[in-house]
PDB file of N, CA and C in Angstrom:
ATOM      1  N   MET A   1     -22.256 -19.139 -10.978  1.00  0.00           N
ATOM      2  CA  MET A   1     -21.855 -18.182 -11.844  1.00  0.00           C
ATOM      3  C   MET A   1     -21.596 -16.833 -11.084  1.00  0.00           C
ATOM      4  N   LEU A   2     -20.519 -16.114 -11.621  1.00  0.00           N
ATOM      5  CA  LEU A   2     -19.938 -14.940 -10.935  1.00  0.00           C
ATOM      6  C   LEU A   2     -21.080 -13.897 -10.666  1.00  0.00           C
ATOM      7  N   CYS A   3     -21.873 -13.649 -11.673  1.00  0.00           N
ATOM      8  CA  CYS A   3     -22.860 -12.753 -11.631  1.00  0.00           C
ATOM      9  C   CYS A   3     -23.842 -12.873 -10.403  1.00  0.00           C
ATOM     10  N   GLN A   4     -24.108 -14.084 -10.456  1.00  0.00           N
ATOM     11  CA  GLN A   4     -25.237 -14.687  -9.261  1.00  0.00           C
ATOM     12  C   GLN A   4     -24.722 -14.429  -7.866  1.00  0.00           C
ATOM     13  N   ASN A   5     -23.250 -14.475  -7.567  1.00  0.00           N
ATOM     14  CA  ASN A   5     -22.647 -14.491  -6.468  1.00  0.00           C
ATOM     15  C   ASN A   5     -22.626 -12.963  -5.968  1.00  0.00           C
ATOM     16  N   ARG A   6     -22.217 -12.233  -6.696  1.00  0.00           N
ATOM     17  CA  ARG A   6     -22.139 -10.738  -6.384  1.00  0.00           C
ATOM     18  C   ARG A   6     -23.555  -9.934  -6.447  1.00  0.00           C
ATOM     19  N   GLN A   7     -24.590 -10.446  -6.971  1.00  0.00           N
ATOM     20  CA  GLN A   7     -25.712  -9.508  -6.879  1.00  0.00           C
ATOM     21  C   GLN A   7     -26.747 -10.049  -5.911  1.00  0.00           C
ATOM     22  N   ARG A   8     -27.246  -9.298  -5.003  1.00  0.00           N
ATOM     23  CA  ARG A   8     -28.311  -9.697  -4.155  1.00  0.00           C
ATOM     24  C   ARG A   8     -29.375  -8.728  -4.407  1.00  0.00           C
ATOM     25  N   LYS A   9     -30.720  -9.285  -4.502  1.00  0.00           N
ATOM     26  CA  LYS A   9     -32.023  -8.629  -4.798  1.00  0.00           C
ATOM     27  C   LYS A   9     -32.258  -7.678  -3.542  1.00  0.00           C
ATOM     28  N   SER A  10     -32.753  -6.482  -4.061  1.00  0.00           N
ATOM     29  CA  SER A  10     -33.219  -5.598  -3.137  1.00  0.00           C
ATOM     30  C   SER A  10     -34.310  -6.194  -2.386  1.00  0.00           C
ATOM     31  N   LYS A  11     -35.125  -5.448  -1.153  1.00  0.00           N
ATOM     32  CA  LYS A  11     -36.291  -5.854  -0.848  1.00  0.00           C
ATOM     33  C   LYS A  11     -37.459  -5.818  -1.657  1.00  0.00           C
ATOM     34  N   THR A  12     -37.361  -4.960  -2.910  1.00  0.00           N
ATOM     35  CA  THR A  12     -38.358  -4.830  -3.944  1.00  0.00           C
ATOM     36  C   THR A  12     -38.198  -5.986  -4.876  1.00  0.00           C
ATOM     37  N   GLY A  13     -36.997  -6.868  -4.768  1.00  0.00           N
ATOM     38  CA  GLY A  13     -36.828  -8.046  -5.790  1.00  0.00           C
ATOM     39  C   GLY A  13     -36.079  -7.523  -6.959  1.00  0.00           C
ATOM     40  N   LYS A  14     -35.707  -6.091  -7.124  1.00  0.00           N
ATOM     41  CA  LYS A  14     -34.982  -5.661  -8.285  1.00  0.00           C
ATOM     42  C   LYS A  14     -33.597  -5.821  -8.167  1.00  0.00           C
ATOM     43  N   THR A  15     -32.840  -5.972  -9.025  1.00  0.00           N
ATOM     44  CA  THR A  15     -31.413  -6.063  -9.145  1.00  0.00           C
ATOM     45  C   THR A  15     -30.917  -5.180 -10.187  1.00  0.00           C
ATOM     46  N   SER A  16     -29.477  -4.910 -10.289  1.00  0.00           N
ATOM     47  CA  SER A  16     -28.875  -4.086 -11.218  1.00  0.00           C
ATOM     48  C   SER A  16     -27.733  -4.759 -11.693  1.00  0.00           C
ATOM     49  N   LEU A  17     -27.545  -4.633 -13.118  1.00  0.00           N
ATOM     50  CA  LEU A  17     -26.264  -5.348 -13.501  1.00  0.00           C
ATOM     51  C   LEU A  17     -25.171  -4.984 -13.001  1.00  0.00           C
ATOM     52  N   PHE A  18     -25.229  -3.666 -12.455  1.00  0.00           N
ATOM     53  CA  PHE A  18     -23.835  -3.296 -11.839  1.00  0.00           C
ATOM     54  C   PHE A  18     -23.833  -3.524 -10.290  1.00  0.00           C
ATOM     55  N   SER A  19     -24.804  -4.160  -9.619  1.00  0.00           N
ATOM     56  CA  SER A  19     -24.731  -4.487  -8.271  1.00  0.00           C
ATOM     57  C   SER A  19     -23.271  -5.049  -7.786  1.00  0.00           C
ATOM     58  N   GLY A  20     -22.833  -4.476  -6.794  1.00  0.00           N
ATOM     59  CA  GLY A  20     -21.660  -5.238  -6.387  1.00  0.00           C
ATOM     60  C   GLY A  20     -20.379  -4.767  -6.920  1.00  0.00           C
ATOM     61  N   ILE A  21     -20.413  -3.917  -8.024  1.00  0.00           N
ATOM     62  CA  ILE A  21     -19.164  -3.494  -8.780  1.00  0.00           C
ATOM     63  C   ILE A  21     -18.998  -1.894  -8.773  1.00  0.00           C
ATOM     64  N   VAL A  22     -19.984  -1.139  -8.236  1.00  0.00           N
ATOM     65  CA  VAL A  22     -19.679   0.367  -8.299  1.00  0.00           C
ATOM     66  C   VAL A  22     -19.204   0.814  -6.961  1.00  0.00           C
ATOM     67  N   TYR A  23     -18.206   1.628  -7.176  1.00  0.00           N
ATOM     68  CA  TYR A  23     -17.223   2.269  -5.987  1.00  0.00           C
ATOM     69  C   TYR A  23     -17.253   3.698  -6.101  1.00  0.00           C
ATOM     70  N   CYS A  24     -17.188   4.343  -4.981  1.00  0.00           N
ATOM     71  CA  CYS A  24     -17.007   5.991  -5.065  1.00  0.00           C
ATOM     72  C   CYS A  24     -15.560   6.117  -5.520  1.00  0.00           C
ATOM     73  N   ALA A  25     -15.559   7.165  -6.281  1.00  0.00           N
ATOM     74  CA  ALA A  25     -14.387   7.530  -7.258  1.00  0.00           C
ATOM     75  C   ALA A  25     -13.437   8.216  -6.168  1.00  0.00           C
ATOM     76  N   ASP A  26     -13.827   8.817  -5.033  1.00  0.00           N
ATOM     77  CA  ASP A  26     -13.311   9.782  -4.238  1.00  0.00           C
ATOM     78  C   ASP A  26     -12.663   8.716  -2.953  1.00  0.00           C
ATOM     79  N   CYS A  27     -13.199   7.952  -2.316  1.00  0.00           N
ATOM     80  CA  CYS A  27     -12.940   7.181  -1.149  1.00  0.00           C
ATOM     81  C   CYS A  27     -12.761   5.827  -1.421  1.00  0.00           C
ATOM     82  N   GLY A  28     -13.271   5.272  -2.630  1.00  0.00           N
ATOM     83  CA  GLY A  28     -13.219   3.805  -2.809  1.00  0.00           C
ATOM     84  C   GLY A  28     -14.254   2.845  -2.069  1.00  0.00           C
ATOM     85  N   GLU A  29     -15.138   3.424  -1.461  1.00  0.00           N
ATOM     86  CA  GLU A  29     -16.137   2.705  -0.716  1.00  0.00           C
ATOM     87  C   GLU A  29     -17.329   2.182  -1.690  1.00  0.00           C
ATOM     88  N   LYS A  30     -17.925   1.113  -1.378  1.00  0.00           N
ATOM     89  CA  LYS A  30     -18.947   0.604  -2.268  1.00  0.00           C
ATOM     90  C   LYS A  30     -19.972   1.435  -2.277  1.00  0.00           C
ATOM     91  N   LEU A  31     -20.757   1.641  -3.517  1.00  0.00           N
ATOM     92  CA  LEU A  31     -22.129   2.248  -3.693  1.00  0.00           C
ATOM     93  C   LEU A  31     -23.009   1.106  -3.700  1.00  0.00           C
ATOM     94  N   TYR A  32     -24.133   1.392  -3.099  1.00  0.00           N
ATOM     95  CA  TYR A  32     -25.126   0.382  -3.066  1.00  0.00           C
ATOM     96  C   TYR A  32     -26.418   0.739  -3.964  1.00  0.00           C
ATOM     97  N   TYR A  33     -26.937  -0.324  -4.410  1.00  0.00           N
ATOM     98  CA  TYR A  33     -28.219  -0.089  -5.370  1.00  0.00           C
ATOM     99  C   TYR A  33     -29.295   0.169  -4.299  1.00  0.00           C
ATOM    100  N   CYS A  34     -30.051   1.158  -4.643  1.00  0.00           N
ATOM    101  CA  CYS A  34     -31.261   1.595  -4.043  1.00  0.00           C
ATOM    102  C   CYS A  34     -32.410   1.795  -5.052  1.00  0.00           C
ATOM    103  N   THR A  35     -33.744   1.319  -4.421  1.00  0.00           N
ATOM    104  CA  THR A  35     -34.912   1.329  -5.397  1.00  0.00           C
ATOM    105  C   THR A  35     -36.013   1.238  -4.431  1.00  0.00           C
ATOM    106  N   ALA A  36     -37.074   1.404  -4.953  1.00  0.00           N
ATOM    107  CA  ALA A  36     -38.153   1.255  -4.260  1.00  0.00           C
ATOM    108  C   ALA A  36     -39.354   0.929  -5.075  1.00  0.00           C
ATOM    109  N   ASN A  37     -40.552   0.176  -4.634  1.00  0.00           N
ATOM    110  CA  ASN A  37     -41.724  -0.228  -5.511  1.00  0.00           C
ATOM    111  C   ASN A  37     -42.324   0.757  -6.275  1.00  0.00           C
ATOM    112  N   ASN A  38     -42.297   2.075  -5.605  1.00  0.00           N
ATOM    113  CA  ASN A  38     -42.858   3.150  -6.172  1.00  0.00           C
ATOM    114  C   ASN A  38     -42.089   3.868  -7.344  1.00  0.00           C
ATOM    115  N   PHE A  39     -40.642   3.563  -7.215  1.00  0.00           N
ATOM    116  CA  PHE A  39     -39.697   4.120  -8.233  1.00  0.00           C
ATOM    117  C   PHE A  39     -39.961   3.770  -9.600  1.00  0.00           C
ATOM    118  N   GLU A  40     -39.944   4.738 -10.447  1.00  0.00           N
ATOM    119  CA  GLU A  40     -39.869   4.151 -11.854  1.00  0.00           C
ATOM    120  C   GLU A  40     -38.191   3.807 -12.077  1.00  0.00           C
ATOM    121  N   LYS A  41     -38.007   2.964 -13.194  1.00  0.00           N
ATOM    122  CA  LYS A  41     -36.637   2.458 -13.160  1.00  0.00           C
ATOM    123  C   LYS A  41     -35.674   3.687 -13.279  1.00  0.00           C
ATOM    124  N   ARG A  42     -36.086   4.838 -13.895  1.00  0.00           N
ATOM    125  CA  ARG A  42     -35.047   5.932 -14.104  1.00  0.00           C
ATOM    126  C   ARG A  42     -34.719   6.637 -12.881  1.00  0.00           C
ATOM    127  N   ARG A  43     -35.469   6.299 -11.680  1.00  0.00           N
ATOM    128  CA  ARG A  43     -35.227   6.724 -10.405  1.00  0.00           C
ATOM    129  C   ARG A  43     -34.265   5.963  -9.392  1.00  0.00           C
ATOM    130  N   ASP A  44     -34.046   4.903  -9.863  1.00  0.00           N
ATOM    131  CA  ASP A  44     -33.088   3.811  -9.060  1.00  0.00           C
ATOM    132  C   ASP A  44     -31.798   4.386  -9.027  1.00  0.00           C
ATOM    133  N   PHE A  45     -30.900   4.204  -7.918  1.00  0.00           N
ATOM    134  CA  PHE A  45     -29.787   4.933  -7.972  1.00  0.00           C
ATOM    135  C   PHE A  45     -28.838   3.942  -6.945  1.00  0.00           C
ATOM    136  N   PHE A  46     -27.447   4.342  -7.197  1.00  0.00           N
ATOM    137  CA  PHE A  46     -26.442   3.773  -6.392  1.00  0.00           C
ATOM    138  C   PHE A  46     -26.008   4.807  -5.265  1.00  0.00           C
ATOM    139  N   GLU A  47     -25.900   4.407  -3.997  1.00  0.00           N
ATOM    140  CA  GLU A  47     -25.589   5.465  -2.979  1.00  0.00           C
ATOM    141  C   GLU A  47     -24.553   5.042  -1.995  1.00  0.00           C
ATOM    142  N   TYR A  48     -23.587   5.868  -1.659  1.00  0.00           N
ATOM    143  CA  TYR A  48     -22.590   5.582  -0.810  1.00  0.00           C
ATOM    144  C   TYR A  48     -23.358   5.300   0.565  1.00  0.00           C
ATOM    145  N   SER A  49     -23.226   4.211   1.225  1.00  0.00           N
ATOM    146  CA  SER A  49     -24.226   4.090   2.426  1.00  0.00           C
ATOM    147  C   SER A  49     -23.437   4.381   3.729  1.00  0.00           C
ATOM    148  N   THR A  50     -22.162   4.280   3.867  1.00  0.00           N
ATOM    149  CA  THR A  50     -21.563   4.781   5.176  1.00  0.00           C
ATOM    150  C   THR A  50     -21.431   6.164   5.661  1.00  0.00           C
ATOM    151  N   HIS A  51     -21.965   7.083   4.614  1.00  0.00           N
ATOM    152  CA  HIS A  51     -21.822   8.439   4.820  1.00  0.00           C
ATOM    153  C   HIS A  51     -22.489   9.012   6.263  1.00  0.00           C
ATOM    154  N   ARG A  52     -23.537   8.288   6.465  1.00  0.00           N
ATOM    155  CA  ARG A  52     -24.300   8.594   7.473  1.00  0.00           C
ATOM    156  C   ARG A  52     -23.526   8.372   9.025  1.00  0.00           C
ATOM    157  N   LYS A  53     -22.612   7.431   8.665  1.00  0.00           N
ATOM    158  CA  LYS A  53     -21.895   6.943  10.066  1.00  0.00           C
ATOM    159  C   LYS A  53     -20.596   7.770  10.114  1.00  0.00           C
ATOM    160  N   ASN A  54     -19.936   7.982   8.994  1.00  0.00           N
ATOM    161  CA  ASN A  54     -18.659   8.619   9.023  1.00  0.00           C
ATOM    162  C   ASN A  54     -18.652   9.684   8.014  1.00  0.00           C
ATOM    163  N   ASP A  55     -19.301  10.802   7.976  1.00  0.00           N
ATOM    164  CA  ASP A  55     -19.340  11.934   7.064  1.00  0.00           C
ATOM    165  C   ASP A  55     -17.932  12.783   6.934  1.00  0.00           C
ATOM    166  N   GLU A  56     -17.184  12.336   7.875  1.00  0.00           N
ATOM    167  CA  GLU A  56     -15.771  13.036   7.636  1.00  0.00           C
ATOM    168  C   GLU A  56     -14.810  12.384   6.537  1.00  0.00           C
ATOM    169  N   LYS A  57     -15.297  10.980   6.436  1.00  0.00           N
ATOM    170  CA  LYS A  57     -14.450  10.344   5.406  1.00  0.00           C
ATOM    171  C   LYS A  57     -14.715  10.838   3.952  1.00  0.00           C
ATOM    172  N   CYS A  58     -16.129  10.862   3.688  1.00  0.00           N
ATOM    173  CA  CYS A  58     -16.657  11.087   2.283  1.00  0.00           C
ATOM    174  C   CYS A  58     -17.946  11.817   2.556  1.00  0.00           C
ATOM    175  N   LYS A  59     -18.327  12.650   1.613  1.00  0.00           N
ATOM    176  CA  LYS A  59     -19.773  13.133   1.359  1.00  0.00           C
ATOM    177  C   LYS A  59     -20.643  12.044   1.060  1.00  0.00           C
ATOM    178  N   SER A  60     -21.920  12.447   0.907  1.00  0.00           N
ATOM    179  CA  SER A  60     -22.722  11.605   0.347  1.00  0.00           C
ATOM    180  C   SER A  60     -22.562  11.463  -1.216  1.00  0.00           C
ATOM    181  N   HIS A  61     -22.415  10.242  -1.730  1.00  0.00           N
ATOM    182  CA  HIS A  61     -22.184  10.167  -3.293  1.00  0.00           C
ATOM    183  C   HIS A  61     -23.271   9.510  -3.748  1.00  0.00           C
ATOM    184  N   TYR A  62     -23.977   9.571  -4.944  1.00  0.00           N
ATOM    185  CA  TYR A  62     -24.743   8.812  -5.406  1.00  0.00           C
ATOM    186  C   TYR A  62     -24.653   9.002  -7.011  1.00  0.00           C
ATOM    187  N   ILE A  63     -25.291   8.079  -7.809  1.00  0.00           N
ATOM    188  CA  ILE A  63     -25.328   8.124  -9.155  1.00  0.00           C
ATOM    189  C   ILE A  63     -26.573   7.462  -9.351  1.00  0.00           C
ATOM    190  N   ARG A  64     -27.542   8.068 -10.490  1.00  0.00           N
ATOM    191  CA  ARG A  64     -28.413   7.361 -10.926  1.00  0.00           C
ATOM    192  C   ARG A  64     -28.341   5.960 -11.820  1.00  0.00           C
ATOM    193  N   ALA A  65     -28.846   5.014 -11.771  1.00  0.00           N
ATOM    194  CA  ALA A  65     -28.590   3.674 -12.322  1.00  0.00           C
ATOM    195  C   ALA A  65     -28.496   3.933 -14.043  1.00  0.00           C
ATOM    196  N   VAL A  66     -29.569   4.782 -14.387  1.00  0.00           N
ATOM    197  CA  VAL A  66     -29.696   5.191 -15.829  1.00  0.00           C
ATOM    198  C   VAL A  66     -28.417   6.007 -16.297  1.00  0.00           C
ATOM    199  N   VAL A  67     -27.875   6.846 -15.479  1.00  0.00           N
ATOM    200  CA  VAL A  67     -26.854   7.557 -15.939  1.00  0.00           C
ATOM    201  C   VAL A  67     -25.619   6.697 -16.014  1.00  0.00           C
ATOM    202  N   LEU A  68     -25.369   5.829 -15.083  1.00  0.00           N
ATOM    203  CA  LEU A  68     -24.295   4.994 -15.064  1.00  0.00           C
ATOM    204  C   LEU A  68     -24.527   4.128 -16.299  1.00  0.00           C
ATOM    205  N   GLU A  69     -25.606   3.511 -16.537  1.00  0.00           N
ATOM    206  CA  GLU A  69     -25.763   2.630 -17.836  1.00  0.00           C
ATOM    207  C   GLU A  69     -25.516   3.384 -18.863  1.00  0.00           C
ATOM    208  N   ASP A  70     -25.844   4.721 -19.278  1.00  0.00           N
ATOM    209  CA  ASP A  70     -25.424   5.529 -20.229  1.00  0.00           C
ATOM    210  C   ASP A  70     -24.049   5.717 -20.392  1.00  0.00           C
ATOM    211  N   MET A  71     -23.362   6.033 -19.326  1.00  0.00           N
ATOM    212  CA  MET A  71     -21.725   6.212 -19.302  1.00  0.00           C
ATOM    213  C   MET A  71     -21.259   4.999 -19.703  1.00  0.00           C
ATOM    214  N   VAL A  72     -21.609   4.005 -19.256  1.00  0.00           N
ATOM    215  CA  VAL A  72     -20.955   2.548 -19.639  1.00  0.00           C
ATOM    216  C   VAL A  72     -21.244   2.309 -21.170  1.00  0.00           C
ATOM    217  N   TRP A  73     -22.347   2.477 -21.596  1.00  0.00           N
ATOM    218  CA  TRP A  73     -22.682   2.352 -23.071  1.00  0.00           C
ATOM    219  C   TRP A  73     -21.696   3.460 -23.923  1.00  0.00           C
ATOM    220  N   MET A  74     -21.825   4.429 -23.502  1.00  0.00           N
ATOM    221  CA  MET A  74     -21.055   5.497 -24.284  1.00  0.00           C
ATOM    222  C   MET A  74     -19.465   4.961 -24.380  1.00  0.00           C
ATOM    223  N   HIS A  75     -19.095   4.616 -23.144  1.00  0.00           N
ATOM    224  CA  HIS A  75     -17.407   4.118 -23.155  1.00  0.00           C
ATOM    225  C   HIS A  75     -17.442   2.747 -24.118  1.00  0.00           C
ATOM    226  N   MET A  76     -18.503   1.821 -23.997  1.00  0.00           N
ATOM    227  CA  MET A  76     -18.298   0.662 -24.816  1.00  0.00           C
ATOM    228  C   MET A  76     -18.307   1.132 -26.260  1.00  0.00           C
ATOM    229  N   LYS A  77     -19.111   2.060 -26.657  1.00  0.00           N
ATOM    230  CA  LYS A  77     -19.247   2.493 -28.117  1.00  0.00           C
ATOM    231  C   LYS A  77     -17.817   3.192 -28.583  1.00  0.00           C
ATOM    232  N   THR A  78     -17.250   3.936 -27.616  1.00  0.00           N
ATOM    233  CA  THR A  78     -15.914   4.390 -27.906  1.00  0.00           C
ATOM    234  C   THR A  78     -14.819   3.244 -28.129  1.00  0.00           C
ATOM    235  N   VAL A  79     -14.886   2.315 -27.203  1.00  0.00           N
ATOM    236  CA  VAL A  79     -13.858   1.293 -27.464  1.00  0.00           C
ATOM    237  C   VAL A  79     -14.152   0.368 -28.570  1.00  0.00           C
ATOM    238  N   ILE A  80     -15.394   0.257 -29.020  1.00  0.00           N
ATOM    239  CA  ILE A  80     -15.659  -0.651 -30.216  1.00  0.00           C
ATOM    240  C   ILE A  80     -15.220   0.263 -31.462  1.00  0.00           C
ATOM    241  N   SER A  81     -15.512   1.441 -31.248  1.00  0.00           N
ATOM    242  CA  SER A  81     -14.955   2.425 -32.331  1.00  0.00           C
ATOM    243  C   SER A  81     -13.536   2.338 -32.819  1.00  0.00           C
ATOM    244  N   TYR A  82     -12.852   2.388 -31.575  1.00  0.00           N
ATOM    245  CA  TYR A  82     -11.286   2.281 -31.688  1.00  0.00           C
ATOM    246  C   TYR A  82     -11.022   1.043 -32.199  1.00  0.00           C
ATOM    247  N   ILE A  83     -11.609  -0.116 -31.808  1.00  0.00           N
ATOM    248  CA  ILE A  83     -11.189  -1.444 -32.413  1.00  0.00           C
ATOM    249  C   ILE A  83     -11.440  -1.605 -33.944  1.00  0.00           C
ATOM    250  N   LEU A  84     -12.381  -1.119 -34.216  1.00  0.00           N
ATOM    251  CA  LEU A  84     -12.985  -1.070 -35.782  1.00  0.00           C
ATOM    252  C   LEU A  84     -11.948  -0.268 -36.521  1.00  0.00           C
ATOM    253  N   HIS A  85     -11.444   0.946 -35.998  1.00  0.00           N
ATOM    254  CA  HIS A  85     -10.607   1.705 -36.800  1.00  0.00           C
ATOM    255  C   HIS A  85      -9.039   1.376 -36.889  1.00  0.00           C
ATOM    256  N   TYR A  86      -8.661   0.767 -35.598  1.00  0.00           N
ATOM    257  CA  TYR A  86      -7.390   0.388 -35.260  1.00  0.00           C
ATOM    258  C   TYR A  86      -7.207  -0.911 -35.228  1.00  0.00           C
ATOM    259  N   GLU A  87      -7.857  -1.931 -35.933  1.00  0.00           N
ATOM    260  CA  GLU A  87      -7.996  -3.378 -35.547  1.00  0.00           C
ATOM    261  C   GLU A  87      -6.598  -3.979 -35.647  1.00  0.00           C
ATOM    262  N   ASP A  88      -5.627  -3.745 -36.501  1.00  0.00           N
ATOM    263  CA  ASP A  88      -4.292  -4.240 -36.433  1.00  0.00           C
ATOM    264  C   ASP A  88      -3.532  -3.834 -35.240  1.00  0.00           C
ATOM    265  N   HIS A  89      -3.566  -2.676 -35.005  1.00  0.00           N
ATOM    266  CA  HIS A  89      -2.855  -2.255 -33.516  1.00  0.00           C
ATOM    267  C   HIS A  89      -3.548  -2.858 -32.503  1.00  0.00           C
ATOM    268  N   PHE A  90      -4.846  -2.813 -32.381  1.00  0.00           N
ATOM    269  CA  PHE A  90      -5.422  -3.464 -31.248  1.00  0.00           C
ATOM    270  C   PHE A  90      -5.193  -5.002 -31.177  1.00  0.00           C
ATOM    271  N   ARG A  91      -5.048  -5.743 -32.165  1.00  0.00           N
ATOM    272  CA  ARG A  91      -4.823  -7.029 -32.336  1.00  0.00           C
ATOM    273  C   ARG A  91      -3.330  -7.418 -31.767  1.00  0.00           C
ATOM    274  N   ALA A  92      -2.330  -6.485 -32.289  1.00  0.00           N
ATOM    275  CA  ALA A  92      -1.190  -6.674 -31.656  1.00  0.00           C
ATOM    276  C   ALA A  92      -0.895  -6.393 -30.315  1.00  0.00           C
ATOM    277  N   VAL A  93      -1.569  -5.359 -29.698  1.00  0.00           N
ATOM    278  CA  VAL A  93      -1.512  -5.034 -28.364  1.00  0.00           C
ATOM    279  C   VAL A  93      -1.914  -6.292 -27.499  1.00  0.00           C
ATOM    280  N   VAL A  94      -3.222  -6.828 -27.639  1.00  0.00           N
ATOM    281  CA  VAL A  94      -3.709  -7.993 -27.200  1.00  0.00           C
ATOM    282  C   VAL A  94      -2.770  -8.964 -27.103  1.00  0.00           C
ATOM    283  N   GLN A  95      -2.260  -9.365 -28.363  1.00  0.00           N
ATOM    284  CA  GLN A  95      -1.555 -10.531 -28.597  1.00  0.00           C
ATOM    285  C   GLN A  95      -0.159 -10.375 -27.673  1.00  0.00           C
ATOM    286  N   GLU A  96       0.247  -9.103 -27.626  1.00  0.00           N
ATOM    287  CA  GLU A  96       1.521  -8.836 -26.816  1.00  0.00           C
ATOM    288  C   GLU A  96       1.203  -9.135 -25.085  1.00  0.00           C
ATOM    289  N   GLN A  97      -0.013  -8.693 -24.883  1.00  0.00           N
ATOM    290  CA  GLN A  97      -0.363  -8.701 -23.416  1.00  0.00           C
ATOM    291  C   GLN A  97      -0.504 -10.359 -23.029  1.00  0.00           C
ATOM    292  N   GLN A  98      -0.927 -10.975 -24.156  1.00  0.00           N
ATOM    293  CA  GLN A  98      -1.163 -12.571 -23.736  1.00  0.00           C
ATOM    294  C   GLN A  98      -0.083 -13.190 -23.692  1.00  0.00           C
ATOM    295  N   LYS A  99       1.299 -12.851 -23.975  1.00  0.00           N
ATOM    296  CA  LYS A  99       2.395 -13.636 -23.902  1.00  0.00           C
ATOM    297  C   LYS A  99       2.814 -13.489 -22.442  1.00  0.00           C
TER     298      LYS A  99
END
């Protein structure tokens, strides 16, 4: 399964739904899931890992996992609302893209 292939458990055994698919918006480098046994879930985060090696390329970037989850959920609600209000248009666009 695709999700199993791209997710690797951290040393704590925790994983994130977004592991392996979060990238820095500025430089395009992958952000890695970071957590610790003494962290509460709300303190888990994704971090740009190579800034220590090459800080000229990009400054340290990170995002808390709960903030990312909230942003994705808000976007999903927006898309679902659009589909519900403009179902005919949405259906026509999808059918055109499938051709």
